[in-house]
């Protein structure tokens, strides 16, 4: 039996492995952004409770933006992984 893998198959395997690694990294970044958006949302609620309307609006916008970016990263990771299925 030939124990040496075909270079074409090895290259495809390494490409798939690289894509999985990249998608996992993107998901970790998205998770970090999502948890950060939760913190920003608590700042928003604290400002709103203290009737600091300008601060509340700023924190709300930042939390919303962080959530949107996290969702985009999740989508990007899903698209990357769909290429190798």
PDB file of N, CA and C in Angstrom:
ATOM      1  N   UNK A   1       0.829  -1.190   0.000  1.00  0.00           N
ATOM      2  CA  UNK A   1       0.000   0.000   0.000  1.00  0.00           C
ATOM      3  C   UNK A   1       0.875   1.255   0.000  1.00  0.00           C
ATOM      4  N   UNK A   2       0.354   2.251  -0.598  1.00  0.00           N
ATOM      5  CA  UNK A   2       1.055   3.523  -0.666  1.00  0.00           C
ATOM      6  C   UNK A   2       0.660   4.376   0.549  1.00  0.00           C
ATOM      7  N   UNK A   3       1.611   4.661   1.414  1.00  0.00           N
ATOM      8  CA  UNK A   3       1.330   5.419   2.630  1.00  0.00           C
ATOM      9  C   UNK A   3       1.508   6.920   2.441  1.00  0.00           C
ATOM     10  N   UNK A   4       2.004   7.317   1.287  1.00  0.00           N
ATOM     11  CA  UNK A   4       2.223   8.739   1.030  1.00  0.00           C
ATOM     12  C   UNK A   4       0.934   9.333   0.464  1.00  0.00           C
ATOM     13  N   UNK A   5       0.387  10.352   1.142  1.00  0.00           N
ATOM     14  CA  UNK A   5      -0.862  10.930   0.641  1.00  0.00           C
ATOM     15  C   UNK A   5      -0.645  11.704  -0.647  1.00  0.00           C
ATOM     16  N   UNK A   6      -1.655  11.731  -1.435  1.00  0.00           N
ATOM     17  CA  UNK A   6      -1.628  12.481  -2.693  1.00  0.00           C
ATOM     18  C   UNK A   6      -1.507  13.975  -2.376  1.00  0.00           C
ATOM     19  N   UNK A   7      -0.597  14.721  -3.019  1.00  0.00           N
ATOM     20  CA  UNK A   7      -0.438  16.151  -2.733  1.00  0.00           C
ATOM     21  C   UNK A   7      -1.719  16.959  -2.925  1.00  0.00           C
ATOM     22  N   UNK A   8      -2.537  16.566  -3.879  1.00  0.00           N
ATOM     23  CA  UNK A   8      -3.789  17.298  -4.110  1.00  0.00           C
ATOM     24  C   UNK A   8      -4.726  17.146  -2.924  1.00  0.00           C
ATOM     25  N   UNK A   9      -4.821  15.932  -2.383  1.00  0.00           N
ATOM     26  CA  UNK A   9      -5.679  15.709  -1.220  1.00  0.00           C
ATOM     27  C   UNK A   9      -5.113  16.385   0.012  1.00  0.00           C
ATOM     28  N   UNK A  10      -3.822  16.370   0.157  1.00  0.00           N
ATOM     29  CA  UNK A  10      -3.191  17.008   1.302  1.00  0.00           C
ATOM     30  C   UNK A  10      -3.431  18.507   1.256  1.00  0.00           C
ATOM     31  N   UNK A  11      -3.322  19.084   0.084  1.00  0.00           N
ATOM     32  CA  UNK A  11      -3.553  20.513  -0.065  1.00  0.00           C
ATOM     33  C   UNK A  11      -4.995  20.862   0.274  1.00  0.00           C
ATOM     34  N   UNK A  12      -5.944  20.055  -0.169  1.00  0.00           N
ATOM     35  CA  UNK A  12      -7.357  20.300   0.136  1.00  0.00           C
ATOM     36  C   UNK A  12      -7.604  20.171   1.632  1.00  0.00           C
ATOM     37  N   UNK A  13      -6.952  19.195   2.256  1.00  0.00           N
ATOM     38  CA  UNK A  13      -7.101  19.009   3.696  1.00  0.00           C
ATOM     39  C   UNK A  13      -6.567  20.218   4.453  1.00  0.00           C
ATOM     40  N   UNK A  14      -5.380  20.700   4.054  1.00  0.00           N
ATOM     41  CA  UNK A  14      -4.793  21.858   4.720  1.00  0.00           C
ATOM     42  C   UNK A  14      -5.639  23.096   4.514  1.00  0.00           C
ATOM     43  N   UNK A  15      -6.221  23.249   3.333  1.00  0.00           N
ATOM     44  CA  UNK A  15      -7.093  24.385   3.067  1.00  0.00           C
ATOM     45  C   UNK A  15      -8.329  24.320   3.957  1.00  0.00           C
ATOM     46  N   UNK A  16      -8.941  23.166   4.057  1.00  0.00           N
ATOM     47  CA  UNK A  16     -10.119  23.009   4.912  1.00  0.00           C
ATOM     48  C   UNK A  16      -9.772  23.266   6.370  1.00  0.00           C
ATOM     49  N   UNK A  17      -8.623  22.771   6.787  1.00  0.00           N
ATOM     50  CA  UNK A  17      -8.180  22.972   8.157  1.00  0.00           C
ATOM     51  C   UNK A  17      -7.952  24.464   8.428  1.00  0.00           C
ATOM     52  N   UNK A  18      -7.366  25.145   7.482  1.00  0.00           N
ATOM     53  CA  UNK A  18      -7.114  26.576   7.614  1.00  0.00           C
ATOM     54  C   UNK A  18      -8.431  27.362   7.695  1.00  0.00           C
ATOM     55  N   UNK A  19      -9.395  26.968   6.887  1.00  0.00           N
ATOM     56  CA  UNK A  19     -10.687  27.644   6.915  1.00  0.00           C
ATOM     57  C   UNK A  19     -11.380  27.421   8.250  1.00  0.00           C
ATOM     58  N   UNK A  20     -11.328  26.206   8.759  1.00  0.00           N
ATOM     59  CA  UNK A  20     -11.923  25.927  10.077  1.00  0.00           C
ATOM     60  C   UNK A  20     -11.253  26.776  11.159  1.00  0.00           C
ATOM     61  N   UNK A  21      -9.937  26.873  11.094  1.00  0.00           N
ATOM     62  CA  UNK A  21      -9.204  27.666  12.076  1.00  0.00           C
ATOM     63  C   UNK A  21      -9.600  29.140  12.000  1.00  0.00           C
ATOM     64  N   UNK A  22      -9.688  29.656  10.777  1.00  0.00           N
ATOM     65  CA  UNK A  22     -10.063  31.049  10.578  1.00  0.00           C
ATOM     66  C   UNK A  22     -11.488  31.315  11.062  1.00  0.00           C
ATOM     67  N   UNK A  23     -12.404  30.404  10.765  1.00  0.00           N
ATOM     68  CA  UNK A  23     -13.797  30.549  11.200  1.00  0.00           C
ATOM     69  C   UNK A  23     -13.892  30.507  12.722  1.00  0.00           C
ATOM     70  N   UNK A  24     -13.111  29.642  13.352  1.00  0.00           N
ATOM     71  CA  UNK A  24     -13.120  29.569  14.818  1.00  0.00           C
ATOM     72  C   UNK A  24     -12.612  30.869  15.424  1.00  0.00           C
ATOM     73  N   UNK A  25     -11.570  31.436  14.844  1.00  0.00           N
ATOM     74  CA  UNK A  25     -11.039  32.710  15.334  1.00  0.00           C
ATOM     75  C   UNK A  25     -12.080  33.824  15.186  1.00  0.00           C
ATOM     76  N   UNK A  26     -12.758  33.846  14.052  1.00  0.00           N
ATOM     77  CA  UNK A  26     -13.783  34.864  13.827  1.00  0.00           C
ATOM     78  C   UNK A  26     -14.915  34.700  14.836  1.00  0.00           C
ATOM     79  N   UNK A  27     -15.291  33.464  15.144  1.00  0.00           N
ATOM     80  CA  UNK A  27     -16.352  33.228  16.133  1.00  0.00           C
ATOM     81  C   UNK A  27     -15.932  33.698  17.528  1.00  0.00           C
ATOM     82  N   UNK A  28     -14.678  33.497  17.877  1.00  0.00           N
ATOM     83  CA  UNK A  28     -14.184  33.976  19.178  1.00  0.00           C
ATOM     84  C   UNK A  28     -14.253  35.504  19.237  1.00  0.00           C
ATOM     85  N   UNK A  29     -13.879  36.156  18.148  1.00  0.00           N
ATOM     86  CA  UNK A  29     -13.965  37.618  18.096  1.00  0.00           C
ATOM     87  C   UNK A  29     -15.416  38.076  18.204  1.00  0.00           C
ATOM     88  N   UNK A  30     -16.314  37.372  17.544  1.00  0.00           N
ATOM     89  CA  UNK A  30     -17.733  37.719  17.609  1.00  0.00           C
ATOM     90  C   UNK A  30     -18.269  37.533  19.016  1.00  0.00           C
ATOM     91  N   UNK A  31     -17.854  36.457  19.683  1.00  0.00           N
ATOM     92  CA  UNK A  31     -18.282  36.237  21.072  1.00  0.00           C
ATOM     93  C   UNK A  31     -17.801  37.364  21.976  1.00  0.00           C
ATOM     94  N   UNK A  32     -16.553  37.797  21.782  1.00  0.00           N
ATOM     95  CA  UNK A  32     -16.015  38.889  22.590  1.00  0.00           C
ATOM     96  C   UNK A  32     -16.787  40.180  22.346  1.00  0.00           C
ATOM     97  N   UNK A  33     -17.108  40.454  21.096  1.00  0.00           N
ATOM     98  CA  UNK A  33     -17.886  41.654  20.779  1.00  0.00           C
ATOM     99  C   UNK A  33     -19.290  41.575  21.373  1.00  0.00           C
ATOM    100  N   UNK A  34     -19.897  40.404  21.327  1.00  0.00           N
ATOM    101  CA  UNK A  34     -21.247  40.247  21.867  1.00  0.00           C
ATOM    102  C   UNK A  34     -21.246  40.458  23.380  1.00  0.00           C
ATOM    103  N   UNK A  35     -20.251  39.930  24.071  1.00  0.00           N
ATOM    104  CA  UNK A  35     -20.190  40.142  25.518  1.00  0.00           C
ATOM    105  C   UNK A  35     -19.886  41.606  25.839  1.00  0.00           C
ATOM    106  N   UNK A  36     -19.099  42.241  24.992  1.00  0.00           N
ATOM    107  CA  UNK A  36     -18.817  43.667  25.181  1.00  0.00           C
ATOM    108  C   UNK A  36     -20.091  44.493  24.980  1.00  0.00           C
ATOM    109  N   UNK A  37     -20.920  44.100  24.047  1.00  0.00           N
ATOM    110  CA  UNK A  37     -22.165  44.836  23.822  1.00  0.00           C
ATOM    111  C   UNK A  37     -23.093  44.733  25.032  1.00  0.00           C
ATOM    112  N   UNK A  38     -23.032  43.614  25.740  1.00  0.00           N
ATOM    113  CA  UNK A  38     -23.838  43.463  26.956  1.00  0.00           C
ATOM    114  C   UNK A  38     -23.370  44.449  28.023  1.00  0.00           C
ATOM    115  N   UNK A  39     -22.060  44.605  28.150  1.00  0.00           N
ATOM    116  CA  UNK A  39     -21.510  45.578  29.106  1.00  0.00           C
ATOM    117  C   UNK A  39     -21.935  46.990  28.712  1.00  0.00           C
ATOM    118  N   UNK A  40     -21.842  47.316  27.440  1.00  0.00           N
ATOM    119  CA  UNK A  40     -22.244  48.638  26.974  1.00  0.00           C
ATOM    120  C   UNK A  40     -23.724  48.881  27.229  1.00  0.00           C
ATOM    121  N   UNK A  41     -24.519  47.843  27.111  1.00  0.00           N
ATOM    122  CA  UNK A  41     -25.957  47.962  27.382  1.00  0.00           C
ATOM    123  C   UNK A  41     -26.214  48.258  28.855  1.00  0.00           C
ATOM    124  N   UNK A  42     -25.403  47.700  29.750  1.00  0.00           N
ATOM    125  CA  UNK A  42     -25.580  48.014  31.175  1.00  0.00           C
ATOM    126  C   UNK A  42     -25.232  49.483  31.449  1.00  0.00           C
ATOM    127  N   UNK A  43     -24.226  50.013  30.758  1.00  0.00           N
ATOM    128  CA  UNK A  43     -23.907  51.443  30.890  1.00  0.00           C
ATOM    129  C   UNK A  43     -25.081  52.288  30.400  1.00  0.00           C
ATOM    130  N   UNK A  44     -25.691  51.844  29.306  1.00  0.00           N
ATOM    131  CA  UNK A  44     -26.855  52.548  28.760  1.00  0.00           C
ATOM    132  C   UNK A  44     -27.976  52.599  29.798  1.00  0.00           C
ATOM    133  N   UNK A  45     -28.266  51.441  30.413  1.00  0.00           N
ATOM    134  CA  UNK A  45     -29.336  51.398  31.418  1.00  0.00           C
ATOM    135  C   UNK A  45     -29.006  52.248  32.639  1.00  0.00           C
ATOM    136  N   UNK A  46     -27.733  52.248  33.035  1.00  0.00           N
ATOM    137  CA  UNK A  46     -27.340  53.057  34.202  1.00  0.00           C
ATOM    138  C   UNK A  46     -27.498  54.540  33.901  1.00  0.00           C
ATOM    139  N   UNK A  47     -27.110  54.973  32.735  1.00  0.00           N
ATOM    140  CA  UNK A  47     -27.267  56.380  32.357  1.00  0.00           C
ATOM    141  C   UNK A  47     -28.740  56.752  32.245  1.00  0.00           C
ATOM    142  N   UNK A  48     -29.526  55.839  31.710  1.00  0.00           N
ATOM    143  CA  UNK A  48     -30.957  56.103  31.569  1.00  0.00           C
ATOM    144  C   UNK A  48     -31.613  56.223  32.943  1.00  0.00           C
ATOM    145  N   UNK A  49     -31.203  55.367  33.877  1.00  0.00           N
ATOM    146  CA  UNK A  49     -31.760  55.413  35.232  1.00  0.00           C
ATOM    147  C   UNK A  49     -31.375  56.699  35.951  1.00  0.00           C
ATOM    148  N   UNK A  50     -30.195  57.224  35.640  1.00  0.00           N
ATOM    149  CA  UNK A  50     -29.759  58.465  36.291  1.00  0.00           C
ATOM    150  C   UNK A  50     -30.179  59.701  35.496  1.00  0.00           C
ATOM    151  N   UNK A  51     -31.035  59.491  34.498  1.00  0.00           N
ATOM    152  CA  UNK A  51     -31.573  60.561  33.661  1.00  0.00           C
ATOM    153  C   UNK A  51     -30.496  61.329  32.899  1.00  0.00           C
ATOM    154  N   UNK A  52     -29.438  60.633  32.544  1.00  0.00           N
ATOM    155  CA  UNK A  52     -28.399  61.185  31.693  1.00  0.00           C
ATOM    156  C   UNK A  52     -28.723  60.747  30.263  1.00  0.00           C
ATOM    157  N   UNK A  53     -29.588  61.491  29.612  1.00  0.00           N
ATOM    158  CA  UNK A  53     -30.115  61.085  28.316  1.00  0.00           C
ATOM    159  C   UNK A  53     -29.056  61.080  27.211  1.00  0.00           C
ATOM    160  N   UNK A  54     -28.142  62.034  27.244  1.00  0.00           N
ATOM    161  CA  UNK A  54     -27.092  62.065  26.216  1.00  0.00           C
ATOM    162  C   UNK A  54     -26.161  60.864  26.351  1.00  0.00           C
ATOM    163  N   UNK A  55     -25.775  60.574  27.583  1.00  0.00           N
ATOM    164  CA  UNK A  55     -24.916  59.408  27.823  1.00  0.00           C
ATOM    165  C   UNK A  55     -25.626  58.116  27.473  1.00  0.00           C
ATOM    166  N   UNK A  56     -26.903  58.030  27.826  1.00  0.00           N
ATOM    167  CA  UNK A  56     -27.679  56.820  27.540  1.00  0.00           C
ATOM    168  C   UNK A  56     -27.764  56.573  26.038  1.00  0.00           C
ATOM    169  N   UNK A  57     -27.992  57.641  25.289  1.00  0.00           N
ATOM    170  CA  UNK A  57     -28.081  57.506  23.831  1.00  0.00           C
ATOM    171  C   UNK A  57     -26.739  57.060  23.233  1.00  0.00           C
ATOM    172  N   UNK A  58     -25.659  57.620  23.724  1.00  0.00           N
ATOM    173  CA  UNK A  58     -24.329  57.238  23.230  1.00  0.00           C
ATOM    174  C   UNK A  58     -24.035  55.771  23.509  1.00  0.00           C
ATOM    175  N   UNK A  59     -24.300  55.322  24.745  1.00  0.00           N
ATOM    176  CA  UNK A  59     -24.031  53.929  25.103  1.00  0.00           C
ATOM    177  C   UNK A  59     -24.937  52.990  24.320  1.00  0.00           C
ATOM    178  N   UNK A  60     -26.186  53.408  24.070  1.00  0.00           N
ATOM    179  CA  UNK A  60     -27.107  52.577  23.302  1.00  0.00           C
ATOM    180  C   UNK A  60     -26.591  52.382  21.876  1.00  0.00           C
ATOM    181  N   UNK A  61     -26.111  53.462  21.260  1.00  0.00           N
ATOM    182  CA  UNK A  61     -25.570  53.379  19.901  1.00  0.00           C
ATOM    183  C   UNK A  61     -24.348  52.470  19.843  1.00  0.00           C
ATOM    184  N   UNK A  62     -23.465  52.608  20.824  1.00  0.00           N
ATOM    185  CA  UNK A  62     -22.270  51.767  20.850  1.00  0.00           C
ATOM    186  C   UNK A  62     -22.619  50.292  21.033  1.00  0.00           C
ATOM    187  N   UNK A  63     -23.572  50.009  21.929  1.00  0.00           N
ATOM    188  CA  UNK A  63     -23.986  48.620  22.152  1.00  0.00           C
ATOM    189  C   UNK A  63     -24.609  48.042  20.885  1.00  0.00           C
ATOM    190  N   UNK A  64     -25.424  48.831  20.217  1.00  0.00           N
ATOM    191  CA  UNK A  64     -26.062  48.389  18.980  1.00  0.00           C
ATOM    192  C   UNK A  64     -25.011  48.104  17.899  1.00  0.00           C
ATOM    193  N   UNK A  65     -24.044  48.978  17.784  1.00  0.00           N
ATOM    194  CA  UNK A  65     -22.997  48.796  16.777  1.00  0.00           C
ATOM    195  C   UNK A  65     -22.160  47.538  17.066  1.00  0.00           C
ATOM    196  N   UNK A  66     -21.831  47.321  18.328  1.00  0.00           N
ATOM    197  CA  UNK A  66     -21.054  46.130  18.698  1.00  0.00           C
ATOM    198  C   UNK A  66     -21.843  44.864  18.380  1.00  0.00           C
ATOM    199  N   UNK A  67     -23.157  44.876  18.654  1.00  0.00           N
ATOM    200  CA  UNK A  67     -23.992  43.712  18.336  1.00  0.00           C
ATOM    201  C   UNK A  67     -24.051  43.456  16.830  1.00  0.00           C
ATOM    202  N   UNK A  68     -24.209  44.529  16.062  1.00  0.00           N
ATOM    203  CA  UNK A  68     -24.249  44.374  14.602  1.00  0.00           C
ATOM    204  C   UNK A  68     -22.942  43.802  14.058  1.00  0.00           C
ATOM    205  N   UNK A  69     -21.828  44.307  14.559  1.00  0.00           N
ATOM    206  CA  UNK A  69     -20.530  43.795  14.102  1.00  0.00           C
ATOM    207  C   UNK A  69     -20.353  42.329  14.474  1.00  0.00           C
ATOM    208  N   UNK A  70     -20.797  41.948  15.673  1.00  0.00           N
ATOM    209  CA  UNK A  70     -20.705  40.550  16.088  1.00  0.00           C
ATOM    210  C   UNK A  70     -21.544  39.667  15.168  1.00  0.00           C
ATOM    211  N   UNK A  71     -22.742  40.114  14.825  1.00  0.00           N
ATOM    212  CA  UNK A  71     -23.591  39.337  13.933  1.00  0.00           C
ATOM    213  C   UNK A  71     -22.963  39.200  12.547  1.00  0.00           C
ATOM    214  N   UNK A  72     -22.315  40.251  12.075  1.00  0.00           N
ATOM    215  CA  UNK A  72     -21.620  40.174  10.785  1.00  0.00           C
ATOM    216  C   UNK A  72     -20.473  39.173  10.842  1.00  0.00           C
ATOM    217  N   UNK A  73     -19.763  39.147  11.951  1.00  0.00           N
ATOM    218  CA  UNK A  73     -18.668  38.184  12.096  1.00  0.00           C
ATOM    219  C   UNK A  73     -19.192  36.749  12.125  1.00  0.00           C
ATOM    220  N   UNK A  74     -20.310  36.519  12.835  1.00  0.00           N
ATOM    221  CA  UNK A  74     -20.908  35.178  12.834  1.00  0.00           C
ATOM    222  C   UNK A  74     -21.294  34.761  11.416  1.00  0.00           C
ATOM    223  N   UNK A  75     -21.868  35.700  10.671  1.00  0.00           N
ATOM    224  CA  UNK A  75     -22.258  35.411   9.285  1.00  0.00           C
ATOM    225  C   UNK A  75     -21.037  35.098   8.436  1.00  0.00           C
ATOM    226  N   UNK A  76     -19.967  35.867   8.612  1.00  0.00           N
ATOM    227  CA  UNK A  76     -18.740  35.626   7.850  1.00  0.00           C
ATOM    228  C   UNK A  76     -18.170  34.243   8.153  1.00  0.00           C
ATOM    229  N   UNK A  77     -18.187  33.846   9.422  1.00  0.00           N
ATOM    230  CA  UNK A  77     -17.685  32.519   9.794  1.00  0.00           C
ATOM    231  C   UNK A  77     -18.537  31.426   9.163  1.00  0.00           C
ATOM    232  N   UNK A  78     -19.854  31.612   9.156  1.00  0.00           N
ATOM    233  CA  UNK A  78     -20.753  30.625   8.533  1.00  0.00           C
ATOM    234  C   UNK A  78     -20.494  30.509   7.039  1.00  0.00           C
ATOM    235  N   UNK A  79     -20.264  31.654   6.383  1.00  0.00           N
ATOM    236  CA  UNK A  79     -19.993  31.633   4.949  1.00  0.00           C
ATOM    237  C   UNK A  79     -18.684  30.920   4.662  1.00  0.00           C
ATOM    238  N   UNK A  80     -17.663  31.201   5.462  1.00  0.00           N
ATOM    239  CA  UNK A  80     -16.369  30.531   5.272  1.00  0.00           C
ATOM    240  C   UNK A  80     -16.531  29.012   5.379  1.00  0.00           C
ATOM    241  N   UNK A  81     -17.242  28.569   6.409  1.00  0.00           N
ATOM    242  CA  UNK A  81     -17.391  27.140   6.600  1.00  0.00           C
ATOM    243  C   UNK A  81     -18.282  26.507   5.534  1.00  0.00           C
ATOM    244  N   UNK A  82     -19.175  27.280   4.940  1.00  0.00           N
ATOM    245  CA  UNK A  82     -20.026  26.710   3.894  1.00  0.00           C
ATOM    246  C   UNK A  82     -19.224  26.395   2.632  1.00  0.00           C
ATOM    247  N   UNK A  83     -18.089  27.045   2.448  1.00  0.00           N
ATOM    248  CA  UNK A  83     -17.254  26.791   1.275  1.00  0.00           C
ATOM    249  C   UNK A  83     -16.644  25.392   1.281  1.00  0.00           C
ATOM    250  N   UNK A  84     -16.449  24.829   2.467  1.00  0.00           N
ATOM    251  CA  UNK A  84     -15.764  23.537   2.527  1.00  0.00           C
ATOM    252  C   UNK A  84     -16.730  22.364   2.703  1.00  0.00           C
ATOM    253  N   UNK A  85     -18.013  22.638   2.713  1.00  0.00           N
ATOM    254  CA  UNK A  85     -18.991  21.536   2.868  1.00  0.00           C
ATOM    255  C   UNK A  85     -19.309  20.926   1.542  1.00  0.00           C
TER     256      UNK A  85
END
